Amino acid sequence: ANISKDNGGLEFVFPYGATLNAQKPALPVLSSGPISYPLNRPVAAVYPDPSAQKPGHGRICALGSVKMFDDEFLELEKNKQLL
């Protein structure tokens, strides 16, 4: 992914990853961006469980590659800011 004035965003390295299909009520929280392939695809999403008894409980986060947090990639681009 890449930062530019037109696109906004955060530069990060996403090695060996997969894109996600996020459908309501899930929300994509991180995407591949306009200069990567595939274009503008979700790579991380969250799902808030609407049946949770207390607000803020019952959430799931899916990430297409946890390898982006390995020591080898953590210091590259802005990966550390995603933690």
Protein backbone atom coordinates (compact mmCIF):
# COMPACT_ATOMS: atom_id res chain seq x y z
CA ALA A 1 0.00 0.00 0.00
CA ASN A 2 1.09 3.58 -0.52
CA ILE A 3 0.41 7.02 0.94
CA SER A 4 -0.44 9.91 -1.36
CA LYS A 5 -2.41 13.12 -0.99
CA ASP A 6 -5.18 11.76 -3.23
CA ASN A 7 -5.53 8.36 -1.61
CA GLY A 8 -4.55 8.80 2.04
CA GLY A 9 -3.69 5.68 3.95
CA LEU A 10 -0.75 3.94 5.51
CA GLU A 11 2.22 2.28 3.83
CA PHE A 12 2.64 -1.31 5.01
CA VAL A 13 4.21 -4.55 3.83
CA PHE A 14 1.75 -7.45 3.46
CA PRO A 15 3.78 -10.59 2.68
CA TYR A 16 2.27 -13.97 1.77
CA GLY A 17 -1.22 -12.64 2.39
CA ALA A 18 -4.76 -13.19 1.18
CA THR A 19 -7.53 -10.70 0.65
CA LEU A 20 -10.86 -11.02 2.47
CA ASN A 21 -14.53 -10.76 1.54
CA ALA A 22 -16.13 -8.63 4.26
CA GLN A 23 -19.94 -8.58 4.27
CA LYS A 24 -22.20 -6.65 6.64
CA PRO A 25 -22.12 -6.49 9.62
CA ALA A 26 -18.33 -7.05 9.26
CA LEU A 27 -16.25 -3.96 8.55
CA PRO A 28 -13.02 -3.85 6.51
CA VAL A 29 -10.38 -1.93 8.50
CA LEU A 30 -7.31 -2.29 6.26
CA SER A 31 -7.11 -2.56 2.47
CA SER A 32 -4.48 -3.14 -0.20
CA GLY A 33 -4.74 0.29 -1.86
CA PRO A 34 -4.82 1.57 -5.45
CA ILE A 35 -1.24 0.72 -6.52
CA SER A 36 -1.08 -2.88 -5.37
CA TYR A 37 -2.55 -6.01 -6.88
CA PRO A 38 -5.35 -6.81 -6.35
CA LEU A 39 -6.55 -3.18 -6.13
CA ASN A 40 -8.35 -1.85 -3.05
CA ARG A 41 -9.13 -5.22 -1.48
CA PRO A 42 -9.72 -5.73 2.26
CA VAL A 43 -6.82 -7.45 4.03
CA ALA A 44 -8.20 -7.03 7.58
CA ALA A 45 -11.78 -6.89 8.88
CA VAL A 46 -13.64 -6.88 12.20
CA TYR A 47 -16.96 -8.43 13.10
CA PRO A 48 -18.93 -7.05 16.07
CA ASP A 49 -21.36 -9.66 17.38
CA PRO A 50 -24.77 -7.94 17.45
CA SER A 51 -26.09 -10.51 19.94
CA ALA A 52 -23.41 -9.71 22.57
CA GLN A 53 -24.95 -8.96 25.97
CA LYS A 54 -22.56 -6.08 26.76
CA PRO A 55 -21.36 -3.37 24.36
CA GLY A 56 -17.79 -4.01 23.23
CA HIS A 57 -17.98 -7.78 23.80
CA GLY A 58 -18.07 -10.48 21.16
CA ARG A 59 -15.70 -9.15 18.48
CA ILE A 60 -13.56 -11.01 15.93
CA CYS A 61 -10.71 -9.60 13.86
CA ALA A 62 -9.52 -11.40 10.71
CA LEU A 63 -6.17 -10.63 9.08
CA GLY A 64 -5.07 -12.07 5.75
CA SER A 65 -1.42 -12.46 6.86
CA VAL A 66 0.06 -12.45 10.34
CA LYS A 67 3.49 -12.65 8.68
CA MET A 68 3.40 -8.83 8.46
CA PHE A 69 4.07 -8.79 12.23
CA ASP A 70 7.08 -11.15 12.09
CA ASP A 71 10.45 -9.66 13.07
CA GLU A 72 11.49 -9.79 9.42
CA PHE A 73 8.71 -7.39 8.32
CA LEU A 74 7.76 -5.44 11.47
CA GLU A 75 10.34 -2.69 10.93
CA LEU A 76 9.46 -2.29 7.22
CA GLU A 77 7.27 0.65 6.17
CA LYS A 78 4.71 1.36 8.94
CA ASN A 79 3.85 -2.20 10.00
CA LYS A 80 4.67 -1.47 13.65
CA GLN A 81 1.94 1.21 13.77
CA LEU A 82 -0.67 -1.45 13.03
CA LEU A 83 -0.03 -3.19 16.36
